[in-house]
Amino acid sequence: MPPVAPVGITSDWLIFDASRNALVLYLPGYHTPTQAYYQWVDITPQRPLPVTFTAQKSLSLFLDNQLVFTAPRSSSYTLDLSRLLPAGATTGKHLLCVWHPEASPNYVSFVNELPQSASVAFKNNSAASSWQPQAKVPIYQGQNVFLCFLLLVGLLYGGIRTAYQPGFARIYELWSNAPGEQNFLTRPTITWLNLVLVLVFALSFALLLTAIHTNVQNVLILRRLFAVPESDLVIRVLLYTLLVSAFVLLRFLFLALMGYIFDLSPLVTPQYREFVRSILFMGFFLPGVMLLYLILNQSWSEGVLWVSNGVVTIMLLATVARVARTIHRRTSLLNLHLFSYFCATEIIPLAILLKVLVFTY
């Protein structure tokens, strides 16, 4: 008869109760989540006991109060607990501790590796002197969501350009010296064409923000860490679209308030119109950046993240530069009062957006 397989990881986790100075059974919904979870595991030296889990960066594992593993990055790992036993350990129960210095560990992701896959993995690695944890190959889920949204953005831009070609051309003649450039600043800003273009821009920007902030190539990991299935990606994209649209439309009220405070109300309308036209022009290139992100993220994930964040930074800086140019044509920014107004309405919001959208990620 073959040897009986070890029990391994179970669903019964313990937490430390300081008042009783003892380990007690953790009951989700009753106990407050903590940074350390414990479990007694039957481990036999030299008998493989592979365990699969998803770890946030800096998650640490302890066996019998000795550090045996620290996750270098957020990923999925497979570890053989029998090879991590402290020197001189014997067969029997050993205390496994899962600890994270800043957050509550995802203890529910700890499961026993399937016996067949485990035997194949350890057979292939039998010649190695020491076995190291290997990050699992990510399953590329969620890309269909982004590709469908990109297709929708392309169809919307194509339909708008076909139906409203003169108005579309006025917006995207941003760097020309044609009379249309100044005519746009004298036309009404709240039109059906502009509202639709703002929504399309918000959708494009939301796609890129969602990809940067969730790392679309590791959706499986995020589903375990943060419970984000593909359906939630759709909700997140729509939520970001709503937030970006609200920011663009409500910015006029903010400018009107600041214009009243600084007694510069005549500048509010041209400043807002230049802001709208600038972001619509910059947003025209966002679908291409998003497509580049999806293509290169698998082979050049860190670099393409820098490129994506760089595009967001350039778009925000270029928008502020265009608004400054428009204001300077009417009144010199060398005026201290006007420069203070410009800092309050453009520089400070720019710094906040860069902090929230770029430097945090």
Protein backbone atom coordinates (compact mmCIF):
# COMPACT_ATOMS: atom_id res chain seq x y z
CA MET A 1 0.00 0.00 0.00
CA PRO A 2 1.27 3.51 -0.77
CA PRO A 3 2.04 5.77 2.19
CA VAL A 4 -0.83 7.86 3.51
CA ALA A 5 -0.64 11.43 2.24
CA PRO A 6 -0.25 14.08 4.93
CA VAL A 7 -3.28 16.12 5.86
CA GLY A 8 -1.53 19.43 5.28
CA ILE A 9 -3.34 22.76 5.34
CA THR A 10 -6.92 22.85 6.62
CA SER A 11 -9.52 25.60 6.85
CA ASP A 12 -9.14 25.89 10.64
CA TRP A 13 -6.97 28.92 11.42
CA LEU A 14 -6.00 30.27 14.82
CA ILE A 15 -5.30 33.75 16.13
CA PHE A 16 -3.51 34.88 19.26
CA ASP A 17 -5.77 35.99 22.10
CA ALA A 18 -3.68 38.31 24.30
CA SER A 19 -6.20 38.31 27.15
CA ARG A 20 -6.00 34.51 27.47
CA ASN A 21 -2.40 34.21 26.26
CA ALA A 22 -3.46 31.38 23.96
CA LEU A 23 -4.27 30.55 20.35
CA VAL A 24 -8.01 30.44 19.66
CA LEU A 25 -10.01 29.37 16.63
CA TYR A 26 -10.51 32.28 14.22
CA LEU A 27 -14.17 32.86 13.32
CA PRO A 28 -14.62 35.20 10.34
CA GLY A 29 -17.26 37.80 11.03
CA TYR A 30 -16.86 37.38 14.77
CA HIS A 31 -13.17 38.11 15.29
CA THR A 32 -11.50 41.20 13.92
CA PRO A 33 -9.06 40.43 11.05
CA THR A 34 -5.48 40.42 12.28
CA GLN A 35 -1.98 40.50 10.81
CA ALA A 36 -1.02 36.97 11.92
CA TYR A 37 -2.81 33.63 11.51
CA TYR A 38 -1.63 30.29 12.91
CA GLN A 39 -2.25 26.61 12.20
CA TRP A 40 -0.87 23.32 13.50
CA VAL A 41 0.31 21.26 10.52
CA ASP A 42 1.44 17.61 10.50
CA ILE A 43 4.78 17.63 8.66
CA THR A 44 7.17 14.72 8.06
CA PRO A 45 10.74 15.57 7.01
CA GLN A 46 11.67 14.31 3.53
CA ARG A 47 8.00 13.77 2.67
CA PRO A 48 6.85 16.52 0.27
CA LEU A 49 4.04 18.70 1.53
CA PRO A 50 3.52 21.35 -1.19
CA VAL A 51 1.22 24.24 -0.38
CA THR A 52 -0.09 26.80 -2.85
CA PHE A 53 -1.02 30.32 -1.77
CA THR A 54 -1.31 33.90 -2.95
CA ALA A 55 0.84 36.41 -1.12
CA GLN A 56 1.00 40.15 -0.93
CA LYS A 57 4.47 41.63 -1.08
CA SER A 58 6.37 41.21 2.24
CA LEU A 59 4.11 38.41 3.47
CA SER A 60 6.17 36.13 5.77
CA LEU A 61 5.84 32.51 6.83
CA PHE A 62 7.14 31.12 10.12
CA LEU A 63 7.54 27.48 11.16
CA ASP A 64 7.93 26.93 14.89
CA ASN A 65 8.56 30.68 15.32
CA GLN A 66 11.41 30.72 12.76
CA LEU A 67 11.19 32.81 9.59
CA VAL A 68 11.27 30.49 6.56
CA PHE A 69 9.92 32.61 3.67
CA THR A 70 9.20 36.25 2.73
CA ALA A 71 7.35 37.07 -0.50
CA PRO A 72 9.47 39.41 -2.69
CA ARG A 73 6.39 40.56 -4.61
CA SER A 74 2.65 40.01 -4.86
CA SER A 75 2.18 36.72 -6.67
CA SER A 76 1.11 33.08 -6.32
CA TYR A 77 3.63 30.66 -4.80
CA THR A 78 4.06 26.96 -4.15
CA LEU A 79 6.21 25.94 -1.18
CA ASP A 80 7.22 22.53 0.18
CA LEU A 81 6.75 22.89 3.93
CA SER A 82 8.82 19.76 4.62
CA ARG A 83 11.91 21.43 3.11
CA LEU A 84 11.36 24.55 5.20
CA LEU A 85 11.43 22.79 8.56
CA PRO A 86 14.08 24.06 10.97
CA ALA A 87 17.19 21.90 11.31
CA GLY A 88 16.65 18.92 13.59
CA ALA A 89 12.86 19.06 13.37
CA THR A 90 11.02 15.78 13.90
CA THR A 91 7.85 14.29 12.53
CA GLY A 92 4.70 15.68 14.09
CA LYS A 93 2.75 18.88 14.47
CA HIS A 94 4.52 22.13 13.68
CA LEU A 95 3.16 25.63 14.14
CA LEU A 96 2.73 27.52 10.87
CA CYS A 97 2.35 31.31 11.11
CA VAL A 98 1.25 33.59 8.26
CA TRP A 99 2.10 37.22 8.98
CA HIS A 100 2.11 40.52 7.11
CA PRO A 101 3.56 43.73 8.59
CA GLU A 102 0.91 46.10 7.21
CA ALA A 103 -2.23 44.22 6.14
CA SER A 104 -4.32 41.19 6.98
CA PRO A 105 -2.91 38.16 5.09
CA ASN A 106 -5.04 36.31 2.58
CA TYR A 107 -5.10 33.12 4.64
CA VAL A 108 -7.97 31.55 2.64
CA SER A 109 -5.69 31.20 -0.40
CA PHE A 110 -3.53 28.60 1.40
CA VAL A 111 -4.45 25.20 -0.05
CA ASN A 112 -2.72 21.86 -0.53
CA GLU A 113 -1.19 21.31 -3.94
CA LEU A 114 -2.87 18.54 -5.96
CA PRO A 115 -1.00 15.24 -5.51
CA GLN A 116 -0.46 14.58 -9.25
CA SER A 117 0.84 18.04 -10.04
CA ALA A 118 2.93 17.97 -6.88
CA SER A 119 4.57 14.65 -7.78
CA VAL A 120 5.41 15.92 -11.26
CA ALA A 121 6.83 19.16 -9.90
CA PHE A 122 9.03 17.44 -7.33
CA LYS A 123 10.15 14.77 -9.80
CA ASN A 124 11.35 17.45 -12.20
CA ASN A 125 13.17 19.23 -9.37
CA SER A 126 14.63 16.16 -7.66
CA ALA A 127 18.14 16.94 -8.97
CA ALA A 128 18.16 20.40 -7.41
CA SER A 129 20.09 20.77 -4.16
CA SER A 130 17.60 23.24 -2.71
CA TRP A 131 14.08 23.91 -3.82
CA GLN A 132 13.04 27.55 -4.23
CA PRO A 133 9.48 28.92 -4.42
CA GLN A 134 8.40 29.60 -7.97
CA ALA A 135 5.84 32.20 -8.96
CA LYS A 136 2.99 30.67 -10.92
CA VAL A 137 2.39 31.72 -14.49
CA PRO A 138 -0.47 34.24 -14.39
CA ILE A 139 -3.68 33.39 -16.15
CA TYR A 140 -4.60 36.19 -18.47
CA GLN A 141 -8.15 36.95 -17.48
CA GLY A 142 -9.79 40.28 -17.89
CA GLN A 143 -8.23 41.19 -21.22
CA ASN A 144 -11.51 40.58 -23.02
CA VAL A 145 -13.11 43.30 -20.89
CA PHE A 146 -10.49 45.86 -21.89
CA LEU A 147 -10.51 44.83 -25.56
CA CYS A 148 -14.30 45.15 -25.73
CA PHE A 149 -14.15 48.61 -24.17
CA LEU A 150 -11.37 49.61 -26.61
CA LEU A 151 -13.50 48.44 -29.52
CA LEU A 152 -16.40 50.49 -28.16
CA VAL A 153 -14.16 53.58 -27.87
CA GLY A 154 -12.96 53.15 -31.45
CA LEU A 155 -16.52 52.80 -32.75
CA LEU A 156 -17.62 55.89 -30.81
CA TYR A 157 -14.76 58.01 -32.16
CA GLY A 158 -15.45 56.77 -35.68
CA GLY A 159 -19.16 57.45 -35.42
CA ILE A 160 -18.64 60.95 -33.98
CA ARG A 161 -16.11 61.86 -36.65
CA THR A 162 -18.50 60.70 -39.38
CA ALA A 163 -21.59 62.43 -37.98
CA TYR A 164 -19.97 65.68 -36.70
CA GLN A 165 -16.90 66.15 -38.88
CA PRO A 166 -16.69 70.01 -38.71
CA GLY A 167 -17.01 70.12 -34.93
CA PHE A 168 -14.65 67.18 -34.56
CA ALA A 169 -12.04 68.94 -36.70
CA ARG A 170 -12.27 72.16 -34.67
CA ILE A 171 -11.37 70.31 -31.49
CA TYR A 172 -8.44 68.38 -32.93
CA GLU A 173 -6.85 71.34 -34.74
CA LEU A 174 -5.22 72.15 -31.42
CA TRP A 175 -1.75 73.18 -32.56
CA SER A 176 -2.77 74.95 -35.75
CA ASN A 177 -2.95 78.70 -36.28
CA ALA A 178 -6.22 78.43 -38.15
CA PRO A 179 -9.07 80.75 -37.19
CA GLY A 180 -10.92 77.72 -35.85
CA GLU A 181 -8.53 77.53 -32.92
CA GLN A 182 -9.76 80.84 -31.55
CA ASN A 183 -13.32 80.29 -32.74
CA PHE A 184 -13.58 77.28 -30.45
CA LEU A 185 -12.90 79.51 -27.43
CA THR A 186 -15.88 81.69 -28.36
CA ARG A 187 -18.35 78.87 -28.96
CA PRO A 188 -20.58 77.30 -26.26
CA THR A 189 -18.81 74.61 -24.31
CA ILE A 190 -21.81 72.57 -23.18
CA THR A 191 -23.01 71.06 -26.46
CA TRP A 192 -24.14 67.55 -27.27
CA LEU A 193 -20.96 66.95 -29.27
CA ASN A 194 -18.71 68.06 -26.42
CA LEU A 195 -20.67 66.05 -23.85
CA VAL A 196 -20.38 62.87 -25.92
CA LEU A 197 -16.65 63.49 -26.49
CA VAL A 198 -16.15 64.04 -22.76
CA LEU A 199 -17.80 60.69 -22.04
CA VAL A 200 -15.61 58.95 -24.63
CA PHE A 201 -12.51 60.61 -23.17
CA ALA A 202 -13.58 59.59 -19.67
CA LEU A 203 -14.04 55.99 -20.82
CA SER A 204 -10.59 55.93 -22.47
CA PHE A 205 -8.94 57.47 -19.41
CA ALA A 206 -10.82 55.07 -17.11
CA LEU A 207 -9.52 52.08 -19.07
CA LEU A 208 -5.92 53.19 -18.69
CA LEU A 209 -6.35 54.03 -14.99
CA THR A 210 -7.97 50.66 -14.32
CA ALA A 211 -5.14 48.83 -16.09
CA ILE A 212 -2.43 50.80 -14.25
CA HIS A 213 -4.05 50.48 -10.84
CA THR A 214 -4.96 46.78 -11.05
CA ASN A 215 -2.28 45.33 -13.36
CA VAL A 216 -4.56 43.54 -15.82
CA GLN A 217 -2.09 40.69 -16.37
CA ASN A 218 -2.44 39.57 -12.72
CA VAL A 219 -6.19 39.63 -12.37
CA LEU A 220 -6.19 36.11 -10.85
CA ILE A 221 -3.98 37.30 -8.02
CA LEU A 222 -6.11 40.36 -7.46
CA ARG A 223 -9.22 38.24 -7.32
CA ARG A 224 -7.71 36.39 -4.35
CA LEU A 225 -6.25 39.45 -2.66
CA PHE A 226 -9.09 41.90 -3.22
CA ALA A 227 -11.96 39.77 -4.61
CA VAL A 228 -12.00 41.49 -8.02
CA PRO A 229 -13.61 39.19 -10.63
CA GLU A 230 -14.00 40.20 -14.27
CA SER A 231 -17.49 41.53 -13.61
CA ASP A 232 -15.98 43.94 -11.08
CA LEU A 233 -13.54 45.16 -13.71
CA VAL A 234 -16.50 46.36 -15.75
CA ILE A 235 -17.93 48.09 -12.68
CA ARG A 236 -14.54 49.67 -11.91
CA VAL A 237 -14.18 50.99 -15.47
CA LEU A 238 -17.68 52.44 -15.37
CA LEU A 239 -17.05 53.97 -11.95
CA TYR A 240 -13.82 55.61 -13.13
CA THR A 241 -15.65 56.85 -16.23
CA LEU A 242 -18.30 58.47 -14.04
CA LEU A 243 -15.68 60.06 -11.77
CA VAL A 244 -13.63 61.47 -14.67
CA SER A 245 -16.76 62.82 -16.37
CA ALA A 246 -17.91 64.46 -13.13
CA PHE A 247 -14.45 65.98 -12.61
CA VAL A 248 -14.46 67.52 -16.09
CA LEU A 249 -17.99 68.87 -15.91
CA LEU A 250 -17.84 70.11 -12.32
CA ARG A 251 -14.52 71.84 -12.88
CA PHE A 252 -16.40 74.80 -14.32
CA LEU A 253 -18.07 75.40 -10.95
CA PHE A 254 -14.68 75.28 -9.25
CA LEU A 255 -13.23 77.79 -11.74
CA ALA A 256 -16.27 80.04 -11.36
CA LEU A 257 -15.83 80.04 -7.57
CA MET A 258 -12.09 80.81 -7.80
CA GLY A 259 -12.74 83.47 -10.43
CA TYR A 260 -15.21 85.16 -8.10
CA ILE A 261 -12.77 84.99 -5.17
CA PHE A 262 -9.88 86.44 -7.21
CA ASP A 263 -12.16 88.85 -9.12
CA LEU A 264 -11.13 87.29 -12.45
CA SER A 265 -14.48 85.98 -13.65
CA PRO A 266 -13.91 87.00 -17.32
CA LEU A 267 -11.11 84.43 -17.54
CA VAL A 268 -13.22 81.50 -16.35
CA THR A 269 -15.03 80.70 -19.60
CA PRO A 270 -12.01 80.74 -21.98
CA GLN A 271 -9.93 78.88 -19.40
CA TYR A 272 -12.53 76.14 -19.08
CA ARG A 273 -13.03 75.89 -22.85
CA GLU A 274 -9.27 75.52 -23.38
CA PHE A 275 -9.18 72.88 -20.64
CA VAL A 276 -11.97 70.88 -22.31
CA ARG A 277 -10.45 71.07 -25.77
CA SER A 278 -6.98 70.14 -24.48
CA ILE A 279 -8.09 67.02 -22.62
CA LEU A 280 -10.21 65.92 -25.57
CA PHE A 281 -7.20 66.27 -27.86
CA MET A 282 -4.89 64.42 -25.47
CA GLY A 283 -7.49 61.75 -24.85
CA PHE A 284 -7.57 60.87 -28.54
CA PHE A 285 -4.24 59.04 -28.07
CA LEU A 286 -5.25 57.13 -24.91
CA PRO A 287 -6.74 54.09 -26.73
CA GLY A 288 -3.40 53.59 -28.50
CA VAL A 289 -1.55 53.73 -25.18
CA MET A 290 -3.98 51.24 -23.67
CA LEU A 291 -3.49 48.88 -26.62
CA LEU A 292 0.28 49.18 -26.22
CA TYR A 293 -0.11 48.36 -22.52
CA LEU A 294 -2.04 45.17 -23.26
CA ILE A 295 0.50 44.05 -25.89
CA LEU A 296 3.71 44.68 -23.93
CA ASN A 297 2.67 44.15 -20.32
CA GLN A 298 3.36 40.42 -20.42
CA SER A 299 6.99 40.76 -21.60
CA TRP A 300 7.86 44.24 -20.31
CA SER A 301 5.50 44.81 -17.39
CA GLU A 302 7.61 47.27 -15.39
CA GLY A 303 8.64 49.34 -18.41
CA VAL A 304 5.16 49.60 -19.88
CA LEU A 305 3.84 50.70 -16.49
CA TRP A 306 6.36 53.56 -16.52
CA VAL A 307 5.32 54.44 -20.08
CA SER A 308 1.62 54.43 -19.17
CA ASN A 309 2.18 56.60 -16.11
CA GLY A 310 4.40 58.86 -18.23
CA VAL A 311 1.62 59.34 -20.76
CA VAL A 312 -0.81 60.33 -18.00
CA THR A 313 1.78 62.77 -16.62
CA ILE A 314 2.47 64.32 -20.04
CA MET A 315 -1.24 64.67 -20.73
CA LEU A 316 -1.83 66.53 -17.46
CA LEU A 317 1.24 68.77 -17.90
CA ALA A 318 0.38 69.57 -21.52
CA THR A 319 -3.18 70.50 -20.55
CA VAL A 320 -1.93 72.92 -17.90
CA ALA A 321 0.59 74.37 -20.40
CA ARG A 322 -2.16 74.98 -22.98
CA VAL A 323 -4.38 76.66 -20.38
CA ALA A 324 -1.45 78.84 -19.27
CA ARG A 325 -0.83 79.86 -22.89
CA THR A 326 -4.48 80.84 -23.37
CA ILE A 327 -4.58 82.87 -20.13
CA HIS A 328 -1.25 84.55 -20.90
CA ARG A 329 -2.58 85.74 -24.27
CA ARG A 330 -5.30 87.66 -22.46
CA THR A 331 -3.46 88.84 -19.36
CA SER A 332 0.20 88.41 -18.51
CA LEU A 333 0.90 85.66 -15.99
CA LEU A 334 3.78 87.81 -14.68
CA ASN A 335 1.14 89.61 -12.67
CA LEU A 336 1.37 88.24 -9.12
CA HIS A 337 -2.38 88.31 -8.59
CA LEU A 338 -3.04 86.40 -11.82
CA PHE A 339 -0.22 83.96 -11.09
CA SER A 340 -1.77 83.22 -7.68
CA TYR A 341 -5.08 82.52 -9.39
CA PHE A 342 -3.33 80.21 -11.87
CA CYS A 343 -1.63 78.31 -9.06
CA ALA A 344 -4.93 77.86 -7.21
CA THR A 345 -6.84 76.65 -10.27
CA GLU A 346 -4.17 74.70 -12.19
CA ILE A 347 -0.91 74.01 -10.33
CA ILE A 348 -2.34 72.75 -7.04
CA PRO A 349 -4.97 70.48 -8.72
CA LEU A 350 -2.20 69.21 -11.02
CA ALA A 351 -0.02 68.27 -8.04
CA ILE A 352 -2.94 66.45 -6.40
CA LEU A 353 -3.78 64.52 -9.58
CA LEU A 354 -0.15 63.50 -10.11
CA LYS A 355 0.04 62.26 -6.53
CA VAL A 356 -3.19 60.27 -6.76
CA LEU A 357 -2.90 58.93 -10.32
CA VAL A 358 0.83 58.59 -10.95
CA PHE A 359 3.19 58.68 -7.98
CA THR A 360 1.05 56.33 -5.89
CA TYR A 361 1.52 53.60 -8.53
